Amino acid sequence: MTTNKRQNAPAIIPSELTTLDPQERAQLRKQALWRVRLRLMGQSLHANWRLFTENPIGLIGLSIIVFYGCLALAHPLLMGRVWSPSIYHPVTGFNPLLAHPSPPSAQHWLGTDPFGRDILSQLMYSTSSEFILGMVAALLTVTIGTAIGAIAAYYGGWVDTLFMRLADLVITLPSLVLLIVLSGIFELNLPRLAIIIGILSGFGGTTIIIKSQALTIKVRTYVEAARVAGGSHAHIIMRHIIPNLLPLTFLYMMFTVTDAIFAEAVLSYFGLLNVRMSWGMMIYTTQSTGYLLNMETWWLIVPSGLSITLLCAAFYLVGRAMDEVINPRLRKR
């Protein structure tokens, strides 16, 4: 009898809610819904981070990225406070007390180049440029690739055909050769290089991969339910398809960063990129002054060459570890 009374009892509404108008009640419901979404997002991030940390290659790659990130942040703090700009500036610095290039010493931990500039300062200064170049190119790539992939998968027909044939054309173009040709047409700098790499990658293979994933999302029940409920095309694409593509797009951001760093190193080595200082420019300076194949001056080539290799490998390792998190077939459990 007591159970029936409890089941038939009316719902108790807090007295403060009864005094609110419908708009304020709707606002409170939205705030509660966002709190639930944030809690679920936090739980998902925690579970994915646990899976990521189980993969040693991902932790190794992340450690290398954090190390170079610390180098980039430390350079502005050291310059002017610990280091004298007249000696340690990466572009205009010069130590008149030493013969150059000088080997590593207590004053110059990685030695100096043929122009008397501190190599450690050059290395740290160039790290921020590499990060900015990679991030801008990656963001542009995933923005273009996600938008085109989602639109092509959703609409199909001639829209799909147009974008896929364009992607096939971009893939057939040798990107490095194209960048070399473009450097002869107009002056290339880091912002222009990031934009060109982002456009080429966004309209190329990234679009095809993201579009194939979008096709699997398009036929899921919640997309059909949104379409039956009267949701517009833009609403379905922006609220249901693109959010479910974000894990895959974040994965391909890692690979785009690697491509951008490698392209900058190659173009700087050939002297085709207008940049004050970069890792590729450090190698170009070594080559142009005739010390490239001189093993006695190893400090001119090893720091920059090793940094390019390590940072490219780090983003690749993080991408491979994220692939095991995103792809259920690759998960250990």
C-alpha atoms as a PDB file:
ATOM      1  CA  MET A   1       0.000   0.000   0.000  1.00  0.00           C
ATOM      2  CA  THR A   2       2.848   2.304   0.860  1.00  0.00           C
ATOM      3  CA  THR A   3       4.539   1.493  -2.453  1.00  0.00           C
ATOM      4  CA  ASN A   4       1.426   2.480  -4.446  1.00  0.00           C
ATOM      5  CA  LYS A   5       1.165   5.771  -2.606  1.00  0.00           C
ATOM      6  CA  ARG A   6       4.794   6.557  -3.435  1.00  0.00           C
ATOM      7  CA  GLN A   7       4.285   5.688  -7.110  1.00  0.00           C
ATOM      8  CA  ASN A   8       1.149   7.806  -7.429  1.00  0.00           C
ATOM      9  CA  ALA A   9       2.585  10.784  -5.543  1.00  0.00           C
ATOM     10  CA  PRO A  10       3.075  13.914  -7.693  1.00  0.00           C
ATOM     11  CA  ALA A  11       6.579  15.041  -8.561  1.00  0.00           C
ATOM     12  CA  ILE A  12       7.945  17.551  -6.099  1.00  0.00           C
ATOM     13  CA  ILE A  13       9.184  20.734  -7.789  1.00  0.00           C
ATOM     14  CA  PRO A  14      11.530  23.009  -5.815  1.00  0.00           C
ATOM     15  CA  SER A  15       9.753  26.144  -4.730  1.00  0.00           C
ATOM     16  CA  GLU A  16      12.374  28.389  -6.356  1.00  0.00           C
ATOM     17  CA  LEU A  17      11.678  26.779  -9.775  1.00  0.00           C
ATOM     18  CA  THR A  18       7.935  27.440  -9.585  1.00  0.00           C
ATOM     19  CA  THR A  19       8.613  31.171  -9.457  1.00  0.00           C
ATOM     20  CA  LEU A  20      10.646  31.137 -12.692  1.00  0.00           C
ATOM     21  CA  ASP A  21       9.178  31.938 -16.078  1.00  0.00           C
ATOM     22  CA  PRO A  22       9.446  29.357 -18.915  1.00  0.00           C
ATOM     23  CA  GLN A  23      12.490  31.033 -20.482  1.00  0.00           C
ATOM     24  CA  GLU A  24      14.472  30.893 -17.239  1.00  0.00           C
ATOM     25  CA  ARG A  25      13.490  27.248 -16.763  1.00  0.00           C
ATOM     26  CA  ALA A  26      14.674  26.451 -20.283  1.00  0.00           C
ATOM     27  CA  GLN A  27      17.953  28.242 -19.567  1.00  0.00           C
ATOM     28  CA  LEU A  28      18.464  26.152 -16.429  1.00  0.00           C
ATOM     29  CA  ARG A  29      17.775  22.967 -18.395  1.00  0.00           C
ATOM     30  CA  LYS A  30      20.385  23.967 -20.995  1.00  0.00           C
ATOM     31  CA  GLN A  31      22.951  24.639 -18.281  1.00  0.00           C
ATOM     32  CA  ALA A  32      22.259  21.241 -16.726  1.00  0.00           C
ATOM     33  CA  LEU A  33      22.571  19.593 -20.130  1.00  0.00           C
ATOM     34  CA  TRP A  34      25.948  21.242 -20.728  1.00  0.00           C
ATOM     35  CA  ARG A  35      27.156  20.075 -17.329  1.00  0.00           C
ATOM     36  CA  VAL A  36      26.213  16.519 -18.232  1.00  0.00           C
ATOM     37  CA  ARG A  37      27.976  16.825 -21.596  1.00  0.00           C
ATOM     38  CA  LEU A  38      31.120  18.215 -19.984  1.00  0.00           C
ATOM     39  CA  ARG A  39      31.109  15.389 -17.442  1.00  0.00           C
ATOM     40  CA  LEU A  40      30.755  12.776 -20.186  1.00  0.00           C
ATOM     41  CA  MET A  41      33.488  14.473 -22.217  1.00  0.00           C
ATOM     42  CA  GLY A  42      35.785  14.424 -19.212  1.00  0.00           C
ATOM     43  CA  GLN A  43      35.137  10.723 -18.664  1.00  0.00           C
ATOM     44  CA  SER A  44      35.841  10.008 -22.332  1.00  0.00           C
ATOM     45  CA  LEU A  45      39.089  11.999 -22.248  1.00  0.00           C
ATOM     46  CA  HIS A  46      40.175  10.190 -19.103  1.00  0.00           C
ATOM     47  CA  ALA A  47      39.491   6.778 -20.670  1.00  0.00           C
ATOM     48  CA  ASN A  48      41.291   7.721 -23.903  1.00  0.00           C
ATOM     49  CA  TRP A  49      44.258   9.108 -21.974  1.00  0.00           C
ATOM     50  CA  ARG A  50      44.504   5.838 -20.060  1.00  0.00           C
ATOM     51  CA  LEU A  51      44.595   3.937 -23.350  1.00  0.00           C
ATOM     52  CA  PHE A  52      47.175   6.371 -24.753  1.00  0.00           C
ATOM     53  CA  THR A  53      49.498   5.996 -21.766  1.00  0.00           C
ATOM     54  CA  GLU A  54      49.485   2.214 -22.172  1.00  0.00           C
ATOM     55  CA  ASN A  55      51.349   2.647 -25.461  1.00  0.00           C
ATOM     56  CA  PRO A  56      55.060   3.401 -24.822  1.00  0.00           C
ATOM     57  CA  ILE A  57      55.673   4.880 -28.274  1.00  0.00           C
ATOM     58  CA  GLY A  58      53.055   7.539 -27.635  1.00  0.00           C
ATOM     59  CA  LEU A  59      54.660   8.527 -24.339  1.00  0.00           C
ATOM     60  CA  ILE A  60      58.093   8.671 -25.972  1.00  0.00           C
ATOM     61  CA  GLY A  61      56.776  10.930 -28.739  1.00  0.00           C
ATOM     62  CA  LEU A  62      54.905  13.135 -26.283  1.00  0.00           C
ATOM     63  CA  SER A  63      58.018  13.477 -24.106  1.00  0.00           C
ATOM     64  CA  ILE A  64      60.069  14.653 -27.097  1.00  0.00           C
ATOM     65  CA  ILE A  65      57.393  17.189 -28.062  1.00  0.00           C
ATOM     66  CA  VAL A  66      57.247  18.519 -24.496  1.00  0.00           C
ATOM     67  CA  PHE A  67      61.054  18.777 -24.406  1.00  0.00           C
ATOM     68  CA  TYR A  68      61.204  20.893 -27.571  1.00  0.00           C
ATOM     69  CA  GLY A  69      58.240  22.914 -26.356  1.00  0.00           C
ATOM     70  CA  CYS A  70      60.217  23.775 -23.227  1.00  0.00           C
ATOM     71  CA  LEU A  71      63.171  24.817 -25.406  1.00  0.00           C
ATOM     72  CA  ALA A  72      60.930  27.167 -27.380  1.00  0.00           C
ATOM     73  CA  LEU A  73      59.509  28.733 -24.208  1.00  0.00           C
ATOM     74  CA  ALA A  74      62.905  29.046 -22.534  1.00  0.00           C
ATOM     75  CA  HIS A  75      64.629  31.009 -25.302  1.00  0.00           C
ATOM     76  CA  PRO A  76      62.812  34.357 -24.762  1.00  0.00           C
ATOM     77  CA  LEU A  77      63.442  34.019 -21.022  1.00  0.00           C
ATOM     78  CA  LEU A  78      67.159  33.415 -21.449  1.00  0.00           C
ATOM     79  CA  MET A  79      67.709  36.125 -24.047  1.00  0.00           C
ATOM     80  CA  GLY A  80      68.447  39.419 -22.333  1.00  0.00           C
ATOM     81  CA  ARG A  81      68.272  37.997 -18.816  1.00  0.00           C
ATOM     82  CA  VAL A  82      70.968  35.316 -18.925  1.00  0.00           C
ATOM     83  CA  TRP A  83      72.404  35.654 -22.423  1.00  0.00           C
ATOM     84  CA  SER A  84      73.773  38.848 -23.903  1.00  0.00           C
ATOM     85  CA  PRO A  85      71.991  39.586 -27.223  1.00  0.00           C
ATOM     86  CA  SER A  86      75.237  40.834 -28.768  1.00  0.00           C
ATOM     87  CA  ILE A  87      76.733  37.344 -28.368  1.00  0.00           C
ATOM     88  CA  TYR A  88      73.782  34.938 -28.237  1.00  0.00           C
ATOM     89  CA  HIS A  89      71.286  36.455 -30.652  1.00  0.00           C
ATOM     90  CA  PRO A  90      70.497  33.644 -33.145  1.00  0.00           C
ATOM     91  CA  VAL A  91      70.850  35.899 -36.213  1.00  0.00           C
ATOM     92  CA  THR A  92      73.113  38.828 -35.335  1.00  0.00           C
ATOM     93  CA  GLY A  93      75.081  37.468 -32.360  1.00  0.00           C
ATOM     94  CA  PHE A  94      78.879  37.209 -32.517  1.00  0.00           C
ATOM     95  CA  ASN A  95      81.573  36.333 -29.990  1.00  0.00           C
ATOM     96  CA  PRO A  96      84.787  38.250 -30.890  1.00  0.00           C
ATOM     97  CA  LEU A  97      86.896  36.316 -28.385  1.00  0.00           C
ATOM     98  CA  LEU A  98      86.746  32.985 -30.220  1.00  0.00           C
ATOM     99  CA  ALA A  99      87.761  31.639 -33.610  1.00  0.00           C
ATOM    100  CA  HIS A 100      84.735  30.390 -35.502  1.00  0.00           C
ATOM    101  CA  PRO A 101      83.339  27.848 -35.897  1.00  0.00           C
ATOM    102  CA  SER A 102      84.245  26.952 -32.333  1.00  0.00           C
ATOM    103  CA  PRO A 103      83.516  23.568 -30.702  1.00  0.00           C
ATOM    104  CA  PRO A 104      81.185  23.111 -27.723  1.00  0.00           C
ATOM    105  CA  SER A 105      82.450  24.781 -24.552  1.00  0.00           C
ATOM    106  CA  ALA A 106      81.220  26.061 -21.217  1.00  0.00           C
ATOM    107  CA  GLN A 107      80.301  29.374 -22.841  1.00  0.00           C
ATOM    108  CA  HIS A 108      78.684  27.880 -25.938  1.00  0.00           C
ATOM    109  CA  TRP A 109      77.269  24.465 -25.059  1.00  0.00           C
ATOM    110  CA  LEU A 110      76.736  23.450 -28.710  1.00  0.00           C
ATOM    111  CA  GLY A 111      79.518  25.590 -30.181  1.00  0.00           C
ATOM    112  CA  THR A 112      79.219  28.358 -32.740  1.00  0.00           C
ATOM    113  CA  ASP A 113      78.665  28.394 -36.496  1.00  0.00           C
ATOM    114  CA  PRO A 114      81.094  29.859 -39.099  1.00  0.00           C
ATOM    115  CA  PHE A 115      79.589  33.331 -38.517  1.00  0.00           C
ATOM    116  CA  GLY A 116      80.148  33.214 -34.745  1.00  0.00           C
ATOM    117  CA  ARG A 117      76.507  32.648 -33.772  1.00  0.00           C
ATOM    118  CA  ASP A 118      75.592  30.395 -30.864  1.00  0.00           C
ATOM    119  CA  ILE A 119      74.107  27.126 -32.156  1.00  0.00           C
ATOM    120  CA  LEU A 120      72.088  26.386 -29.007  1.00  0.00           C
ATOM    121  CA  SER A 121      70.429  29.787 -29.273  1.00  0.00           C
ATOM    122  CA  GLN A 122      69.673  29.141 -32.950  1.00  0.00           C
ATOM    123  CA  LEU A 123      68.245  25.733 -32.107  1.00  0.00           C
ATOM    124  CA  MET A 124      65.965  27.066 -29.367  1.00  0.00           C
ATOM    125  CA  TYR A 125      64.877  30.085 -31.400  1.00  0.00           C
ATOM    126  CA  SER A 126      63.987  27.926 -34.411  1.00  0.00           C
ATOM    127  CA  THR A 127      61.888  25.505 -32.348  1.00  0.00           C
ATOM    128  CA  SER A 128      59.014  27.959 -31.967  1.00  0.00           C
ATOM    129  CA  SER A 129      58.989  28.562 -35.736  1.00  0.00           C
ATOM    130  CA  GLU A 130      58.774  24.826 -36.376  1.00  0.00           C
ATOM    131  CA  PHE A 131      55.863  24.463 -33.969  1.00  0.00           C
ATOM    132  CA  ILE A 132      53.979  27.433 -35.421  1.00  0.00           C
ATOM    133  CA  LEU A 133      54.556  26.227 -38.989  1.00  0.00           C
ATOM    134  CA  GLY A 134      53.360  22.714 -38.149  1.00  0.00           C
ATOM    135  CA  MET A 135      50.316  23.827 -36.171  1.00  0.00           C
ATOM    136  CA  VAL A 136      49.095  26.354 -38.761  1.00  0.00           C
ATOM    137  CA  ALA A 137      49.504  23.845 -41.589  1.00  0.00           C
ATOM    138  CA  ALA A 138      47.794  21.117 -39.543  1.00  0.00           C
ATOM    139  CA  LEU A 139      44.834  23.290 -38.519  1.00  0.00           C
ATOM    140  CA  LEU A 140      44.301  24.428 -42.104  1.00  0.00           C
ATOM    141  CA  THR A 141      44.567  20.842 -43.337  1.00  0.00           C
ATOM    142  CA  VAL A 142      41.996  19.394 -40.961  1.00  0.00           C
ATOM    143  CA  THR A 143      39.637  22.348 -41.403  1.00  0.00           C
ATOM    144  CA  ILE A 144      39.574  21.944 -45.186  1.00  0.00           C
ATOM    145  CA  GLY A 145      39.680  18.150 -45.116  1.00  0.00           C
ATOM    146  CA  THR A 146      36.920  17.799 -42.510  1.00  0.00           C
ATOM    147  CA  ALA A 147      34.602  20.286 -44.187  1.00  0.00           C
ATOM    148  CA  ILE A 148      35.031  18.840 -47.687  1.00  0.00           C
ATOM    149  CA  GLY A 149      34.950  15.225 -46.490  1.00  0.00           C
ATOM    150  CA  ALA A 150      31.741  15.740 -44.533  1.00  0.00           C
ATOM    151  CA  ILE A 151      30.033  17.644 -47.373  1.00  0.00           C
ATOM    152  CA  ALA A 152      31.092  15.123 -50.032  1.00  0.00           C
ATOM    153  CA  ALA A 153      29.914  12.172 -47.942  1.00  0.00           C
ATOM    154  CA  TYR A 154      26.598  13.776 -47.014  1.00  0.00           C
ATOM    155  CA  TYR A 155      25.502  15.074 -50.403  1.00  0.00           C
ATOM    156  CA  GLY A 156      27.176  12.508 -52.677  1.00  0.00           C
ATOM    157  CA  GLY A 157      26.463  12.770 -56.397  1.00  0.00           C
ATOM    158  CA  TRP A 158      28.280  15.395 -58.415  1.00  0.00           C
ATOM    159  CA  VAL A 159      29.521  17.126 -55.243  1.00  0.00           C
ATOM    160  CA  ASP A 160      31.306  13.947 -54.177  1.00  0.00           C
ATOM    161  CA  THR A 161      32.665  13.375 -57.678  1.00  0.00           C
ATOM    162  CA  LEU A 162      34.004  16.931 -57.968  1.00  0.00           C
ATOM    163  CA  PHE A 163      35.885  16.909 -54.668  1.00  0.00           C
ATOM    164  CA  MET A 164      37.198  13.364 -55.057  1.00  0.00           C
ATOM    165  CA  ARG A 165      38.590  14.049 -58.548  1.00  0.00           C
ATOM    166  CA  LEU A 166      40.203  17.202 -57.183  1.00  0.00           C
ATOM    167  CA  ALA A 167      41.730  15.141 -54.381  1.00  0.00           C
ATOM    168  CA  ASP A 168      43.044  12.616 -56.919  1.00  0.00           C
ATOM    169  CA  LEU A 169      44.650  15.457 -58.875  1.00  0.00           C
ATOM    170  CA  VAL A 170      46.342  16.892 -55.769  1.00  0.00           C
ATOM    171  CA  ILE A 171      47.630  13.463 -54.754  1.00  0.00           C
ATOM    172  CA  THR A 172      49.244  12.924 -58.156  1.00  0.00           C
ATOM    173  CA  LEU A 173      51.210  16.181 -57.838  1.00  0.00           C
ATOM    174  CA  PRO A 174      54.640  15.789 -56.202  1.00  0.00           C
ATOM    175  CA  SER A 175      54.238  18.254 -53.345  1.00  0.00           C
ATOM    176  CA  LEU A 176      57.943  18.920 -52.784  1.00  0.00           C
ATOM    177  CA  VAL A 177      58.589  19.591 -56.468  1.00  0.00           C
ATOM    178  CA  LEU A 178      55.534  21.844 -56.545  1.00  0.00           C
ATOM    179  CA  LEU A 179      56.865  23.832 -53.586  1.00  0.00           C
ATOM    180  CA  ILE A 180      60.217  24.258 -55.336  1.00  0.00           C
ATOM    181  CA  VAL A 181      58.443  25.550 -58.460  1.00  0.00           C
ATOM    182  CA  LEU A 182      56.310  27.933 -56.388  1.00  0.00           C
ATOM    183  CA  SER A 183      59.432  29.307 -54.697  1.00  0.00           C
ATOM    184  CA  GLY A 184      60.633  30.391 -58.140  1.00  0.00           C
ATOM    185  CA  ILE A 185      57.346  32.161 -58.888  1.00  0.00           C
ATOM    186  CA  PHE A 186      56.999  34.161 -55.671  1.00  0.00           C
ATOM    187  CA  GLU A 187      58.858  34.540 -52.402  1.00  0.00           C
ATOM    188  CA  LEU A 188      58.145  31.787 -49.904  1.00  0.00           C
ATOM    189  CA  ASN A 189      58.161  32.472 -46.179  1.00  0.00           C
ATOM    190  CA  LEU A 190      56.859  30.480 -43.219  1.00  0.00           C
ATOM    191  CA  PRO A 191      53.242  31.789 -43.279  1.00  0.00           C
ATOM    192  CA  ARG A 192      52.908  31.195 -47.023  1.00  0.00           C
ATOM    193  CA  LEU A 193      54.516  27.772 -46.713  1.00  0.00           C
ATOM    194  CA  ALA A 194      52.083  26.806 -43.938  1.00  0.00           C
ATOM    195  CA  ILE A 195      49.109  27.923 -46.040  1.00  0.00           C
ATOM    196  CA  ILE A 196      50.288  26.067 -49.148  1.00  0.00           C
ATOM    197  CA  ILE A 197      50.983  22.848 -47.234  1.00  0.00           C
ATOM    198  CA  GLY A 198      47.625  23.127 -45.471  1.00  0.00           C
ATOM    199  CA  ILE A 199      45.755  23.581 -48.748  1.00  0.00           C
ATOM    200  CA  LEU A 200      47.576  20.767 -50.529  1.00  0.00           C
ATOM    201  CA  SER A 201      47.077  18.342 -47.644  1.00  0.00           C
ATOM    202  CA  GLY A 202      43.496  19.460 -47.015  1.00  0.00           C
ATOM    203  CA  PHE A 203      42.383  18.955 -50.593  1.00  0.00           C
ATOM    204  CA  GLY A 204      44.436  15.768 -50.997  1.00  0.00           C
ATOM    205  CA  GLY A 205      44.598  12.464 -49.192  1.00  0.00           C
ATOM    206  CA  THR A 206      43.182  13.790 -45.907  1.00  0.00           C
ATOM    207  CA  THR A 207      39.879  14.566 -47.615  1.00  0.00           C
ATOM    208  CA  ILE A 208      39.552  11.025 -48.981  1.00  0.00           C
ATOM    209  CA  ILE A 209      40.215   9.394 -45.612  1.00  0.00           C
ATOM    210  CA  ILE A 210      37.877  11.691 -43.691  1.00  0.00           C
ATOM    211  CA  LYS A 211      35.181  11.273 -46.341  1.00  0.00           C
ATOM    212  CA  SER A 212      35.325   7.476 -45.993  1.00  0.00           C
ATOM    213  CA  GLN A 213      34.816   7.861 -42.236  1.00  0.00           C
ATOM    214  CA  ALA A 214      31.972  10.336 -42.805  1.00  0.00           C
ATOM    215  CA  LEU A 215      30.181   7.786 -44.994  1.00  0.00           C
ATOM    216  CA  THR A 216      29.989   5.392 -42.032  1.00  0.00           C
ATOM    217  CA  ILE A 217      28.617   8.166 -39.805  1.00  0.00           C
ATOM    218  CA  LYS A 218      26.059   9.282 -42.380  1.00  0.00           C
ATOM    219  CA  VAL A 219      24.089   5.999 -42.169  1.00  0.00           C
ATOM    220  CA  ARG A 220      23.916   5.817 -38.382  1.00  0.00           C
ATOM    221  CA  THR A 221      20.569   5.943 -36.607  1.00  0.00           C
ATOM    222  CA  TYR A 222      21.015   9.320 -34.902  1.00  0.00           C
ATOM    223  CA  VAL A 223      21.685  10.980 -38.266  1.00  0.00           C
ATOM    224  CA  GLU A 224      18.540   9.401 -39.698  1.00  0.00           C
ATOM    225  CA  ALA A 225      16.604  10.483 -36.603  1.00  0.00           C
ATOM    226  CA  ALA A 226      17.818  14.065 -37.012  1.00  0.00           C
ATOM    227  CA  ARG A 227      16.790  14.022 -40.671  1.00  0.00           C
ATOM    228  CA  VAL A 228      13.305  12.655 -39.849  1.00  0.00           C
ATOM    229  CA  ALA A 229      12.910  15.256 -37.080  1.00  0.00           C
ATOM    230  CA  GLY A 230      13.333  17.983 -39.690  1.00  0.00           C
ATOM    231  CA  GLY A 231      16.934  18.941 -39.104  1.00  0.00           C
ATOM    232  CA  SER A 232      18.471  20.988 -41.895  1.00  0.00           C
ATOM    233  CA  HIS A 233      21.460  19.806 -43.915  1.00  0.00           C
ATOM    234  CA  ALA A 234      23.736  22.307 -42.195  1.00  0.00           C
ATOM    235  CA  HIS A 235      22.471  21.213 -38.765  1.00  0.00           C
ATOM    236  CA  ILE A 236      23.117  17.528 -39.466  1.00  0.00           C
ATOM    237  CA  ILE A 237      26.590  18.179 -40.864  1.00  0.00           C
ATOM    238  CA  MET A 238      27.669  20.582 -38.108  1.00  0.00           C
ATOM    239  CA  ARG A 239      26.053  18.883 -35.116  1.00  0.00           C
ATOM    240  CA  HIS A 240      26.197  15.177 -35.965  1.00  0.00           C
ATOM    241  CA  ILE A 241      28.779  14.388 -38.644  1.00  0.00           C
ATOM    242  CA  ILE A 242      31.682  16.783 -38.036  1.00  0.00           C
ATOM    243  CA  PRO A 243      31.825  16.285 -34.206  1.00  0.00           C
ATOM    244  CA  ASN A 244      32.181  12.535 -34.753  1.00  0.00           C
ATOM    245  CA  LEU A 245      34.995  13.154 -37.248  1.00  0.00           C
ATOM    246  CA  LEU A 246      37.084  15.222 -34.834  1.00  0.00           C
ATOM    247  CA  PRO A 247      39.062  12.312 -33.321  1.00  0.00           C
ATOM    248  CA  LEU A 248      40.182  11.235 -36.793  1.00  0.00           C
ATOM    249  CA  THR A 249      40.998  14.793 -37.860  1.00  0.00           C
ATOM    250  CA  PHE A 250      43.087  15.321 -34.718  1.00  0.00           C
ATOM    251  CA  LEU A 251      45.018  12.182 -35.621  1.00  0.00           C
ATOM    252  CA  TYR A 252      45.876  13.532 -39.066  1.00  0.00           C
ATOM    253  CA  MET A 253      46.969  16.823 -37.547  1.00  0.00           C
ATOM    254  CA  MET A 254      49.945  14.944 -36.126  1.00  0.00           C
ATOM    255  CA  PHE A 255      50.993  13.629 -39.536  1.00  0.00           C
ATOM    256  CA  THR A 256      50.592  17.044 -41.195  1.00  0.00           C
ATOM    257  CA  VAL A 257      52.937  18.635 -38.646  1.00  0.00           C
ATOM    258  CA  THR A 258      55.592  16.095 -39.639  1.00  0.00           C
ATOM    259  CA  ASP A 259      55.173  16.882 -43.339  1.00  0.00           C
ATOM    260  CA  ALA A 260      55.394  20.630 -42.715  1.00  0.00           C
ATOM    261  CA  ILE A 261      58.610  20.406 -40.657  1.00  0.00           C
ATOM    262  CA  PHE A 262      60.224  18.173 -43.266  1.00  0.00           C
ATOM    263  CA  ALA A 263      59.195  20.470 -46.147  1.00  0.00           C
ATOM    264  CA  GLU A 264      60.606  23.521 -44.350  1.00  0.00           C
ATOM    265  CA  ALA A 265      63.915  21.740 -43.748  1.00  0.00           C
ATOM    266  CA  VAL A 266      64.278  20.753 -47.397  1.00  0.00           C
ATOM    267  CA  LEU A 267      63.364  24.192 -48.786  1.00  0.00           C
ATOM    268  CA  SER A 268      65.647  25.978 -46.309  1.00  0.00           C
ATOM    269  CA  TYR A 269      68.491  23.611 -47.151  1.00  0.00           C
ATOM    270  CA  PHE A 270      68.239  24.617 -50.813  1.00  0.00           C
ATOM    271  CA  GLY A 271      67.980  28.303 -49.865  1.00  0.00           C
ATOM    272  CA  LEU A 272      64.452  28.621 -51.290  1.00  0.00           C
ATOM    273  CA  LEU A 273      62.712  29.836 -48.133  1.00  0.00           C
ATOM    274  CA  ASN A 274      62.871  33.402 -46.850  1.00  0.00           C
ATOM    275  CA  VAL A 275      63.264  32.847 -43.116  1.00  0.00           C
ATOM    276  CA  ARG A 276      65.585  34.475 -40.586  1.00  0.00           C
ATOM    277  CA  MET A 277      66.523  31.276 -38.797  1.00  0.00           C
ATOM    278  CA  SER A 278      65.314  27.677 -38.794  1.00  0.00           C
ATOM    279  CA  TRP A 279      66.723  24.201 -38.463  1.00  0.00           C
ATOM    280  CA  GLY A 280      66.863  23.877 -42.228  1.00  0.00           C
ATOM    281  CA  MET A 281      68.613  27.240 -42.448  1.00  0.00           C
ATOM    282  CA  MET A 282      71.240  25.997 -39.990  1.00  0.00           C
ATOM    283  CA  ILE A 283      71.965  23.072 -42.313  1.00  0.00           C
ATOM    284  CA  TYR A 284      72.024  25.440 -45.303  1.00  0.00           C
ATOM    285  CA  THR A 285      74.603  27.629 -43.552  1.00  0.00           C
ATOM    286  CA  THR A 286      76.760  24.586 -42.902  1.00  0.00           C
ATOM    287  CA  GLN A 287      76.507  23.512 -46.538  1.00  0.00           C
ATOM    288  CA  SER A 288      77.105  26.974 -48.017  1.00  0.00           C
ATOM    289  CA  THR A 289      80.250  27.501 -45.930  1.00  0.00           C
ATOM    290  CA  GLY A 290      81.727  24.140 -46.914  1.00  0.00           C
ATOM    291  CA  TYR A 291      81.489  22.350 -43.557  1.00  0.00           C
ATOM    292  CA  LEU A 292      78.668  19.909 -44.415  1.00  0.00           C
ATOM    293  CA  LEU A 293      80.889  16.837 -44.969  1.00  0.00           C
ATOM    294  CA  ASN A 294      83.542  17.843 -42.443  1.00  0.00           C
ATOM    295  CA  MET A 295      83.136  15.453 -39.525  1.00  0.00           C
ATOM    296  CA  GLU A 296      85.532  17.500 -37.403  1.00  0.00           C
ATOM    297  CA  THR A 297      82.845  20.191 -37.144  1.00  0.00           C
ATOM    298  CA  TRP A 298      80.049  17.777 -36.295  1.00  0.00           C
ATOM    299  CA  TRP A 299      78.316  20.303 -34.022  1.00  0.00           C
ATOM    300  CA  LEU A 300      77.288  22.323 -37.073  1.00  0.00           C
ATOM    301  CA  ILE A 301      75.062  19.589 -38.500  1.00  0.00           C
ATOM    302  CA  VAL A 302      74.165  17.173 -35.688  1.00  0.00           C
ATOM    303  CA  PRO A 303      71.961  19.426 -33.462  1.00  0.00           C
ATOM    304  CA  SER A 304      69.736  20.692 -36.279  1.00  0.00           C
ATOM    305  CA  GLY A 305      69.622  17.387 -38.175  1.00  0.00           C
ATOM    306  CA  LEU A 306      68.866  15.423 -35.021  1.00  0.00           C
ATOM    307  CA  SER A 307      66.173  17.914 -34.001  1.00  0.00           C
ATOM    308  CA  ILE A 308      64.393  17.610 -37.349  1.00  0.00           C
ATOM    309  CA  THR A 309      64.505  13.828 -37.096  1.00  0.00           C
ATOM    310  CA  LEU A 310      63.373  13.671 -33.479  1.00  0.00           C
ATOM    311  CA  LEU A 311      60.498  16.140 -33.753  1.00  0.00           C
ATOM    312  CA  CYS A 312      59.154  14.594 -36.964  1.00  0.00           C
ATOM    313  CA  ALA A 313      59.419  11.138 -35.386  1.00  0.00           C
ATOM    314  CA  ALA A 314      57.753  12.407 -32.191  1.00  0.00           C
ATOM    315  CA  PHE A 315      54.631  13.651 -33.960  1.00  0.00           C
ATOM    316  CA  TYR A 316      54.510  10.435 -35.990  1.00  0.00           C
ATOM    317  CA  LEU A 317      54.748   8.294 -32.828  1.00  0.00           C
ATOM    318  CA  VAL A 318      52.011  10.297 -31.126  1.00  0.00           C
ATOM    319  CA  GLY A 319      49.859   9.873 -34.236  1.00  0.00           C
ATOM    320  CA  ARG A 320      50.408   6.104 -34.257  1.00  0.00           C
ATOM    321  CA  ALA A 321      49.530   5.880 -30.563  1.00  0.00           C
ATOM    322  CA  MET A 322      46.390   7.959 -31.119  1.00  0.00           C
ATOM    323  CA  ASP A 323      45.430   5.652 -33.982  1.00  0.00           C
ATOM    324  CA  GLU A 324      45.255   2.786 -31.506  1.00  0.00           C
ATOM    325  CA  VAL A 325      43.004   4.892 -29.271  1.00  0.00           C
ATOM    326  CA  ILE A 326      40.678   6.040 -32.045  1.00  0.00           C
ATOM    327  CA  ASN A 327      40.515   2.777 -34.010  1.00  0.00           C
ATOM    328  CA  PRO A 328      38.679   0.115 -31.931  1.00  0.00           C
ATOM    329  CA  ARG A 329      40.199  -2.708 -33.981  1.00  0.00           C
ATOM    330  CA  LEU A 330      43.692  -1.701 -32.821  1.00  0.00           C
ATOM    331  CA  ARG A 331      42.876  -1.435 -29.136  1.00  0.00           C
ATOM    332  CA  LYS A 332      44.357  -3.995 -26.799  1.00  0.00           C
ATOM    333  CA  ARG A 333      41.163  -4.126 -24.787  1.00  0.00           C
END
